[in-house]
């Protein structure tokens, strides 16, 4: 017996709403990520040393991650206080507006130091919105699903980053392929940012029509919202917060390599064309859209922490193969390396949404999940591209980068070890369903990682 009475039609609506909305928000975030590697060093951070411009551009990329805990604090708390739906609408508007304004922003050549300063502020707004989106979007599809398939239902918002990345890189590939380099750097890049207005309008049309989740509605009906959810999380569920944050680090660091830093390394160091990298990332992102829900569903049959841990171990090894593979300049090797890296990433990212929400009780789930996502992202994705660039500039070798990733994967494996499995009884007390004595997914769920 499951703890959800939501109809299959409503489950599908919730899945679609989380997937579509998060995909559109990650389009905005991904278009910035690609631009930080390909465009912004030249447009907003001119320097006689090209790699210094890259490091400065990646610093603004990091700002979007550093801002996430603030977004998680603001919107995660609201998710526990007023429900999940309103948060999903607010974050979509915030991210979309910031991205659209980046598309209108004059470059350094036009307004000098004001250009990078405003860019940082807009990136900050993006990060605050994503910090609020991460945990709540997972919850929306998770809590509208059923306890026996939490891995699958939670993967809806996890598909958002590769889907958004696919849209973003496709937009850049089409625009750059249709224009000369001069036109692309002059004005063509702006089109991809301005398109966000159309995409956000579509996402709002979907999200405004949603109902809140049964769990959120039940908690509000009983008047049991936490008065100070963040304080309660730190006081009573700190171990879950640590496990959630640790679990986020390896996927974010791995993703930063294969969708952000790879542009810089492959084009500036190895000598690939920009279009070759874009196409490889597009293929990998397309594969992820299929594999992430499959990986989430796999953890409904096998232990979630074990599946994640095996993928994290593979992610620790692959960079030591990836860098030698692409150094020969083979387009096939580049595509194989990126696609394989993103396949391994799917094995971590698919289960991650369910794992993180598993760590928290219903009253604190929005705040706890949002903070877990955001803290992990800050220590994972925020500094990874910057660290990769700095390490390579210092050593002129890919080896320290590969070691950095291996350490990040070890941290996430520790998160799996100290984390807990889903407790269906916690949801059941609010929904009136019969509590289950053992984890729902399978007998294997009790084995640990």
Protein backbone atom coordinates (compact mmCIF):
# COMPACT_ATOMS: atom_id res chain seq x y z
CA UNK A 1 0.00 0.00 0.00
CA UNK A 2 1.36 3.45 -0.87
CA UNK A 3 0.97 6.65 1.02
CA UNK A 4 -0.34 8.67 -1.94
CA UNK A 5 -3.92 8.82 -3.17
CA UNK A 6 -3.08 11.07 -6.15
CA UNK A 7 -4.56 9.86 -9.44
CA UNK A 8 -2.28 8.71 -12.24
CA UNK A 9 -3.34 11.71 -14.33
CA UNK A 10 -2.35 14.13 -11.57
CA UNK A 11 0.93 12.29 -11.03
CA UNK A 12 1.73 12.75 -14.70
CA UNK A 13 0.81 16.44 -14.52
CA UNK A 14 3.10 16.90 -11.52
CA UNK A 15 5.92 15.04 -13.29
CA UNK A 16 5.48 17.19 -16.41
CA UNK A 17 5.27 20.42 -14.42
CA UNK A 18 8.49 19.67 -12.55
CA UNK A 19 10.28 18.54 -15.70
CA UNK A 20 9.17 21.38 -17.98
CA UNK A 21 9.58 24.17 -15.44
CA UNK A 22 12.98 22.99 -14.26
CA UNK A 23 14.13 22.45 -17.85
CA UNK A 24 13.26 26.04 -18.70
CA UNK A 25 15.03 27.35 -15.62
CA UNK A 26 18.09 25.27 -16.40
CA UNK A 27 18.05 26.55 -19.96
CA UNK A 28 18.61 29.96 -18.41
CA UNK A 29 21.33 28.64 -16.12
CA UNK A 30 23.01 26.54 -18.83
CA UNK A 31 23.06 29.31 -21.40
CA UNK A 32 25.07 31.34 -18.91
CA UNK A 33 27.39 28.40 -18.19
CA UNK A 34 28.22 27.88 -21.86
CA UNK A 35 28.62 31.62 -22.42
CA UNK A 36 30.98 31.86 -19.43
CA UNK A 37 33.30 29.42 -21.19
CA UNK A 38 32.90 30.60 -24.79
CA UNK A 39 31.90 34.28 -24.80
CA UNK A 40 32.14 36.22 -21.56
CA UNK A 41 35.96 36.20 -21.21
CA UNK A 42 36.05 38.25 -24.39
CA UNK A 43 32.89 40.35 -23.92
CA UNK A 44 32.94 41.20 -20.21
CA UNK A 45 36.44 40.36 -18.91
CA UNK A 46 38.97 41.46 -21.56
CA UNK A 47 42.53 40.68 -20.58
CA UNK A 48 45.87 40.38 -22.32
CA UNK A 49 46.05 36.88 -20.85
CA UNK A 50 43.16 34.85 -22.29
CA UNK A 51 43.18 32.35 -19.43
CA UNK A 52 42.84 35.17 -16.88
CA UNK A 53 39.64 36.17 -18.68
CA UNK A 54 38.41 32.59 -18.41
CA UNK A 55 39.06 32.51 -14.67
CA UNK A 56 37.21 35.80 -14.17
CA UNK A 57 34.26 34.54 -16.23
CA UNK A 58 34.14 31.32 -14.22
CA UNK A 59 34.16 33.44 -11.05
CA UNK A 60 30.82 34.93 -12.10
CA UNK A 61 29.68 31.40 -12.91
CA UNK A 62 30.53 30.49 -9.31
CA UNK A 63 28.44 33.38 -7.98
CA UNK A 64 25.33 31.63 -9.25
CA UNK A 65 26.17 28.66 -7.05
CA UNK A 66 27.29 30.63 -4.02
CA UNK A 67 23.91 32.40 -4.04
CA UNK A 68 22.01 29.13 -3.89
CA UNK A 69 21.99 28.74 -0.07
CA UNK A 70 20.35 32.16 0.17
CA UNK A 71 17.70 31.08 -2.33
CA UNK A 72 17.24 27.80 -0.48
CA UNK A 73 16.87 29.66 2.81
CA UNK A 74 14.25 32.03 1.41
CA UNK A 75 12.23 29.72 -0.80
CA UNK A 76 12.81 26.42 1.01
CA UNK A 77 11.34 27.94 4.16
CA UNK A 78 8.40 29.28 2.16
CA UNK A 79 7.86 25.82 0.71
CA UNK A 80 7.36 24.49 4.25
CA UNK A 81 5.30 27.49 5.34
CA UNK A 82 2.96 28.20 2.39
CA UNK A 83 3.33 25.15 0.16
CA UNK A 84 5.31 24.07 -2.86
CA UNK A 85 3.30 25.57 -5.74
CA UNK A 86 3.83 29.28 -5.00
CA UNK A 87 7.57 28.79 -4.70
CA UNK A 88 7.77 27.13 -8.10
CA UNK A 89 6.06 30.11 -9.73
CA UNK A 90 8.26 32.69 -7.98
CA UNK A 91 11.57 31.00 -8.80
CA UNK A 92 10.67 30.64 -12.47
CA UNK A 93 9.92 34.36 -12.77
CA UNK A 94 13.12 35.37 -10.95
CA UNK A 95 15.45 33.25 -13.07
CA UNK A 96 13.73 34.14 -16.34
CA UNK A 97 13.88 37.88 -15.67
CA UNK A 98 17.59 37.77 -14.80
CA UNK A 99 18.43 35.80 -17.94
CA UNK A 100 16.44 38.13 -20.19
CA UNK A 101 18.25 41.16 -18.74
CA UNK A 102 21.65 39.54 -19.39
CA UNK A 103 20.62 39.42 -23.04
CA UNK A 104 20.17 43.21 -22.97
CA UNK A 105 23.33 43.99 -21.00
CA UNK A 106 25.95 46.22 -22.72
CA UNK A 107 29.46 44.74 -22.83
CA UNK A 108 32.69 45.97 -21.24
CA UNK A 109 33.58 47.81 -24.41
CA UNK A 110 30.42 49.95 -24.07
CA UNK A 111 30.07 50.71 -20.34
CA UNK A 112 33.36 49.54 -18.85
CA UNK A 113 33.48 47.98 -15.37
CA UNK A 114 29.72 48.42 -14.94
CA UNK A 115 29.20 45.54 -17.40
CA UNK A 116 30.83 42.78 -15.32
CA UNK A 117 29.39 44.29 -12.12
CA UNK A 118 25.80 44.13 -13.42
CA UNK A 119 26.49 40.69 -14.86
CA UNK A 120 27.49 39.46 -11.40
CA UNK A 121 24.30 40.89 -9.87
CA UNK A 122 22.12 39.20 -12.49
CA UNK A 123 24.00 35.96 -11.98
CA UNK A 124 23.34 36.35 -8.26
CA UNK A 125 19.60 36.59 -8.97
CA UNK A 126 19.80 33.46 -11.12
CA UNK A 127 21.52 31.60 -8.31
CA UNK A 128 18.95 32.66 -5.71
CA UNK A 129 16.16 31.42 -7.97
CA UNK A 130 17.83 28.09 -8.69
CA UNK A 131 18.60 27.63 -4.98
CA UNK A 132 14.89 27.89 -4.25
CA UNK A 133 13.89 25.76 -7.23
CA UNK A 134 16.13 22.75 -6.64
CA UNK A 135 14.61 21.20 -3.55
CA UNK A 136 11.01 22.30 -4.08
CA UNK A 137 10.73 21.07 -7.69
CA UNK A 138 11.93 17.63 -6.61
CA UNK A 139 9.38 17.62 -3.81
CA UNK A 140 6.52 18.52 -6.10
CA UNK A 141 6.84 15.43 -8.30
CA UNK A 142 8.03 13.30 -5.37
CA UNK A 143 5.08 14.06 -3.09
CA UNK A 144 2.58 13.73 -5.92
CA UNK A 145 3.98 10.31 -6.80
CA UNK A 146 3.80 7.16 -4.72
CA UNK A 147 6.14 5.72 -2.14
CA UNK A 148 6.93 2.59 -4.17
CA UNK A 149 8.34 4.63 -7.08
CA UNK A 150 9.92 7.63 -5.40
CA UNK A 151 13.12 7.21 -7.40
CA UNK A 152 11.27 7.52 -10.70
CA UNK A 153 8.88 10.34 -9.73
CA UNK A 154 11.66 12.36 -8.11
CA UNK A 155 13.73 12.20 -11.29
CA UNK A 156 11.40 14.63 -13.11
CA UNK A 157 13.23 17.74 -11.98
CA UNK A 158 16.57 15.94 -12.30
CA UNK A 159 15.94 15.71 -16.04
CA UNK A 160 15.76 19.51 -16.06
CA UNK A 161 19.52 20.23 -16.17
CA UNK A 162 20.32 18.02 -19.20
CA UNK A 163 17.10 19.09 -20.93
CA UNK A 164 17.91 22.74 -20.28
CA UNK A 165 21.50 22.12 -21.29
CA UNK A 166 20.28 20.51 -24.49
CA UNK A 167 18.07 23.51 -25.28
CA UNK A 168 20.82 25.98 -24.40
CA UNK A 169 23.55 24.32 -26.42
CA UNK A 170 21.19 23.71 -29.33
CA UNK A 171 20.33 27.41 -29.34
CA UNK A 172 24.00 28.38 -29.27
CA UNK A 173 24.88 25.83 -31.95
CA UNK A 174 22.13 27.03 -34.30
CA UNK A 175 22.87 30.71 -33.72
CA UNK A 176 26.66 30.39 -34.00
CA UNK A 177 26.32 28.13 -37.03
CA UNK A 178 24.06 30.64 -38.77
CA UNK A 179 26.27 33.69 -38.20
CA UNK A 180 29.83 34.72 -38.75
CA UNK A 181 32.07 34.81 -35.68
CA UNK A 182 31.97 38.59 -35.79
CA UNK A 183 28.16 38.73 -35.82
CA UNK A 184 27.87 36.01 -33.17
CA UNK A 185 30.16 37.84 -30.73
CA UNK A 186 28.64 41.21 -31.59
CA UNK A 187 24.92 40.51 -31.12
CA UNK A 188 24.00 36.92 -32.02
CA UNK A 189 24.72 35.51 -28.56
CA UNK A 190 22.01 37.76 -27.12
CA UNK A 191 19.26 35.87 -28.95
CA UNK A 192 19.73 32.79 -26.77
CA UNK A 193 19.28 34.86 -23.60
CA UNK A 194 16.30 36.82 -24.88
CA UNK A 195 14.50 33.60 -25.84
CA UNK A 196 14.10 32.92 -22.13
CA UNK A 197 11.11 35.29 -22.05
CA UNK A 198 9.13 32.98 -24.34
CA UNK A 199 10.18 29.86 -22.45
CA UNK A 200 9.34 31.32 -19.04
CA UNK A 201 5.88 32.39 -20.23
CA UNK A 202 5.23 28.79 -21.26
CA UNK A 203 6.49 27.47 -17.92
CA UNK A 204 4.31 29.89 -15.98
CA UNK A 205 1.25 28.81 -17.95
CA UNK A 206 1.90 25.26 -16.69
CA UNK A 207 2.81 26.03 -13.08
CA UNK A 208 0.10 28.56 -12.25
CA UNK A 209 -2.56 25.89 -12.91
CA UNK A 210 -1.09 23.42 -10.40
CA UNK A 211 -2.51 22.28 -7.07
CA UNK A 212 -0.23 21.86 -4.07
CA UNK A 213 1.06 18.44 -3.02
CA UNK A 214 -1.04 16.22 -0.69
CA UNK A 215 1.67 16.32 1.97
CA UNK A 216 1.93 20.12 1.95
CA UNK A 217 -1.88 20.47 1.98
CA UNK A 218 -2.22 18.01 4.87
CA UNK A 219 0.45 19.77 6.96
CA UNK A 220 -1.21 23.15 6.42
CA UNK A 221 -4.69 21.74 7.14
CA UNK A 222 -3.43 20.43 10.48
CA UNK A 223 -1.60 23.66 11.25
CA UNK A 224 1.69 21.84 11.81
CA UNK A 225 3.99 24.02 9.73
CA UNK A 226 7.37 24.56 11.36
CA UNK A 227 7.76 28.05 12.82
CA UNK A 228 11.52 28.05 12.29
CA UNK A 229 12.20 25.19 9.83
CA UNK A 230 15.87 25.99 9.24
CA UNK A 231 16.60 25.99 12.97
CA UNK A 232 14.77 22.69 13.35
CA UNK A 233 16.70 21.12 10.48
CA UNK A 234 20.03 22.05 12.05
CA UNK A 235 18.88 20.95 15.51
CA UNK A 236 17.08 17.69 14.75
CA UNK A 237 18.07 16.53 11.24
CA UNK A 238 21.65 17.70 10.83
CA UNK A 239 22.92 14.26 9.85
CA UNK A 240 20.45 14.17 6.97
CA UNK A 241 21.57 17.64 5.91
CA UNK A 242 25.22 16.56 5.83
CA UNK A 243 24.35 13.41 3.87
CA UNK A 244 22.27 15.43 1.38
CA UNK A 245 24.96 18.08 0.90
CA UNK A 246 27.73 15.48 0.46
CA UNK A 247 25.66 13.60 -2.11
CA UNK A 248 25.40 16.73 -4.24
CA UNK A 249 29.14 17.36 -4.59
CA UNK A 250 30.23 14.58 -6.98
CA UNK A 251 27.39 15.04 -9.49
CA UNK A 252 27.96 18.81 -9.62
CA UNK A 253 31.73 18.53 -10.02
CA UNK A 254 31.37 15.87 -12.70
CA UNK A 255 28.75 17.90 -14.55
CA UNK A 256 30.98 20.98 -14.40
CA UNK A 257 33.73 19.08 -16.19
CA UNK A 258 31.64 17.60 -19.00
CA UNK A 259 29.33 20.56 -19.70
CA UNK A 260 31.31 23.67 -18.68
CA UNK A 261 35.10 23.32 -18.38
CA UNK A 262 35.26 20.96 -21.35
CA UNK A 263 34.53 23.92 -23.64
CA UNK A 264 37.61 25.74 -22.44
CA UNK A 265 39.92 22.72 -22.30
CA UNK A 266 38.87 21.20 -25.61
CA UNK A 267 38.98 24.44 -27.60
CA UNK A 268 41.88 26.35 -26.01
CA UNK A 269 44.16 23.47 -25.03
CA UNK A 270 43.47 20.58 -27.41
CA UNK A 271 42.33 22.63 -30.40
CA UNK A 272 38.81 21.40 -31.12
CA UNK A 273 36.32 23.65 -32.87
CA UNK A 274 33.60 25.18 -30.72
CA UNK A 275 30.94 23.41 -32.76
CA UNK A 276 32.51 20.00 -32.09
CA UNK A 277 32.22 20.47 -28.34
CA UNK A 278 28.68 21.80 -28.61
CA UNK A 279 27.56 18.78 -30.63
CA UNK A 280 29.20 16.32 -28.22
CA UNK A 281 27.50 17.97 -25.23
CA UNK A 282 24.19 17.97 -27.11
CA UNK A 283 24.42 14.23 -27.73
CA UNK A 284 25.34 13.55 -24.11
CA UNK A 285 22.48 15.71 -22.83
CA UNK A 286 20.03 13.91 -25.10
CA UNK A 287 21.16 10.56 -23.72
CA UNK A 288 20.77 11.85 -20.17
CA UNK A 289 17.14 12.80 -20.71
CA UNK A 290 16.42 9.10 -21.17
CA UNK A 291 18.87 7.66 -18.65
CA UNK A 292 18.16 9.86 -15.62
CA UNK A 293 14.55 8.60 -15.16
CA UNK A 294 15.83 5.07 -15.82
CA UNK A 295 18.45 5.46 -13.10
CA UNK A 296 15.81 6.82 -10.72
CA UNK A 297 13.52 3.89 -11.51
CA UNK A 298 16.39 1.46 -10.97
CA UNK A 299 16.63 2.61 -7.38
CA UNK A 300 12.99 1.68 -6.85
CA UNK A 301 14.13 -1.92 -7.33
CA UNK A 302 17.57 -1.79 -5.73
CA UNK A 303 19.10 0.12 -2.86
CA UNK A 304 19.24 3.80 -3.78
CA UNK A 305 22.44 4.51 -1.93
CA UNK A 306 24.21 1.53 -3.47
CA UNK A 307 23.30 2.50 -7.04
CA UNK A 308 24.46 6.05 -6.40
CA UNK A 309 27.70 4.86 -4.80
CA UNK A 310 28.62 2.60 -7.72
CA UNK A 311 28.07 5.49 -10.17
CA UNK A 312 30.17 7.82 -7.98
CA UNK A 313 33.03 5.30 -8.02
CA UNK A 314 32.85 5.16 -11.83
CA UNK A 315 32.82 8.98 -11.95
CA UNK A 316 36.04 9.03 -9.91
CA UNK A 317 37.78 6.81 -12.46
CA UNK A 318 36.53 8.20 -15.78
CA UNK A 319 38.49 11.52 -15.87
CA UNK A 320 41.74 9.54 -15.83
CA UNK A 321 40.55 7.95 -19.08
CA UNK A 322 38.77 10.98 -20.53
CA UNK A 323 41.68 13.42 -20.75
CA UNK A 324 44.10 11.05 -22.54
CA UNK A 325 41.22 10.02 -24.83
CA UNK A 326 40.66 13.53 -26.18
CA UNK A 327 44.28 14.67 -26.35
CA UNK A 328 44.70 13.04 -29.75
CA UNK A 329 42.24 15.52 -31.23
CA UNK A 330 39.77 12.89 -32.39
CA UNK A 331 36.17 14.12 -32.71
CA UNK A 332 34.95 10.59 -32.04
CA UNK A 333 37.07 10.39 -28.90
CA UNK A 334 35.71 13.73 -27.70
CA UNK A 335 32.11 12.64 -28.23
CA UNK A 336 32.69 9.24 -26.63
CA UNK A 337 34.41 10.84 -23.64
CA UNK A 338 31.72 13.44 -22.97
CA UNK A 339 28.79 11.08 -23.56
CA UNK A 340 30.27 8.39 -21.30
CA UNK A 341 30.94 10.98 -18.60
CA UNK A 342 27.32 12.14 -18.74
CA UNK A 343 26.04 8.55 -18.70
CA UNK A 344 27.97 7.97 -15.48
CA UNK A 345 26.65 11.27 -14.15
CA UNK A 346 23.09 10.04 -14.83
CA UNK A 347 23.71 7.13 -12.47
CA UNK A 348 24.25 9.62 -9.66
CA UNK A 349 21.82 12.31 -10.71
CA UNK A 350 18.79 10.11 -11.31
CA UNK A 351 18.66 8.78 -7.71
CA UNK A 352 19.79 12.05 -6.14
CA UNK A 353 16.41 13.77 -5.92
CA UNK A 354 14.81 10.88 -4.04
CA UNK A 355 17.87 10.34 -1.85
CA UNK A 356 17.98 13.96 -0.69
CA UNK A 357 14.26 14.14 0.09
CA UNK A 358 14.54 10.77 1.89
CA UNK A 359 16.75 12.46 4.48
CA UNK A 360 14.05 14.74 5.92
CA UNK A 361 10.70 14.45 7.67
CA UNK A 362 7.65 15.96 5.87
CA UNK A 363 7.40 19.15 7.98
CA UNK A 364 11.01 20.08 7.22
CA UNK A 365 11.41 18.48 3.81
CA UNK A 366 11.28 21.63 1.71
CA UNK A 367 13.79 23.54 3.83
CA UNK A 368 16.06 20.53 4.39
CA UNK A 369 16.07 19.42 0.76
CA UNK A 370 16.61 22.94 -0.54
CA UNK A 371 19.52 23.54 1.86
CA UNK A 372 21.03 20.14 1.09
CA UNK A 373 20.94 20.83 -2.64
CA UNK A 374 22.25 24.37 -2.23
CA UNK A 375 25.09 23.69 0.22
CA UNK A 376 26.30 20.75 -1.85
CA UNK A 377 26.14 22.82 -5.02
CA UNK A 378 28.15 25.61 -3.42
CA UNK A 379 31.00 23.31 -2.48
CA UNK A 380 30.62 21.25 -5.65
CA UNK A 381 29.56 23.09 -8.78
CA UNK A 382 30.38 26.62 -7.62
CA UNK A 383 34.11 26.30 -7.42
CA UNK A 384 34.74 23.36 -9.75
CA UNK A 385 35.22 25.18 -13.10
CA UNK A 386 37.24 27.90 -11.36
CA UNK A 387 39.35 25.26 -9.60
CA UNK A 388 39.84 23.33 -12.85
CA UNK A 389 41.04 26.46 -14.67
CA UNK A 390 43.34 27.50 -11.80
CA UNK A 391 44.81 24.02 -11.42
CA UNK A 392 45.55 23.74 -15.11
CA UNK A 393 47.06 27.22 -15.31
CA UNK A 394 49.31 26.37 -12.35
CA UNK A 395 50.42 22.88 -13.43
CA UNK A 396 49.67 22.70 -17.18
CA UNK A 397 48.43 19.19 -16.54
CA UNK A 398 45.01 17.54 -16.39
CA UNK A 399 46.10 15.18 -13.60
CA UNK A 400 45.26 17.53 -10.66
CA UNK A 401 41.81 18.05 -12.17
CA UNK A 402 41.19 14.30 -12.28
CA UNK A 403 42.38 13.93 -8.68
CA UNK A 404 40.09 16.80 -7.62
CA UNK A 405 37.11 14.97 -9.14
CA UNK A 406 38.08 11.69 -7.48
CA UNK A 407 38.14 13.39 -4.05
CA UNK A 408 34.72 14.94 -4.72
CA UNK A 409 33.34 11.50 -5.55
CA UNK A 410 34.77 10.07 -2.32
CA UNK A 411 32.94 12.78 -0.36
CA UNK A 412 29.62 11.82 -2.01
CA UNK A 413 30.21 8.15 -1.24
CA UNK A 414 30.61 9.13 2.42
CA UNK A 415 27.26 10.89 2.12
CA UNK A 416 25.69 7.64 0.94
CA UNK A 417 27.11 5.77 3.91
CA UNK A 418 25.81 8.19 6.56
CA UNK A 419 22.44 8.79 4.85
CA UNK A 420 19.17 7.01 5.60
CA UNK A 421 16.52 5.23 3.52
CA UNK A 422 12.97 6.47 3.03
CA UNK A 423 10.54 6.17 5.96
CA UNK A 424 7.02 5.75 4.56
CA UNK A 425 5.50 5.99 8.05
CA UNK A 426 6.41 9.69 8.24
CA UNK A 427 4.20 10.49 5.25
CA UNK A 428 1.53 8.07 6.33
CA UNK A 429 0.82 9.93 9.56
CA UNK A 430 -0.25 12.95 7.52
CA UNK A 431 -2.09 11.19 4.71
CA UNK A 432 -3.85 8.63 6.86
CA UNK A 433 -2.39 5.66 5.02
CA UNK A 434 -1.05 2.60 6.74
CA UNK A 435 2.59 3.04 7.74
CA UNK A 436 5.05 0.52 6.38
CA UNK A 437 7.55 -1.09 8.66
CA UNK A 438 10.26 -1.48 6.00
CA UNK A 439 11.49 0.76 3.16
CA UNK A 440 9.13 0.54 0.20
CA UNK A 441 11.53 0.15 -2.68
CA UNK A 442 12.62 -3.43 -2.14
CA UNK A 443 14.08 -5.81 0.46
CA UNK A 444 17.46 -4.62 -0.79
CA UNK A 445 16.68 -1.16 0.56
CA UNK A 446 17.61 -2.32 4.05
CA UNK A 447 21.09 -3.44 3.07
CA UNK A 448 22.73 -0.02 3.09
CA UNK A 449 25.31 1.27 0.64
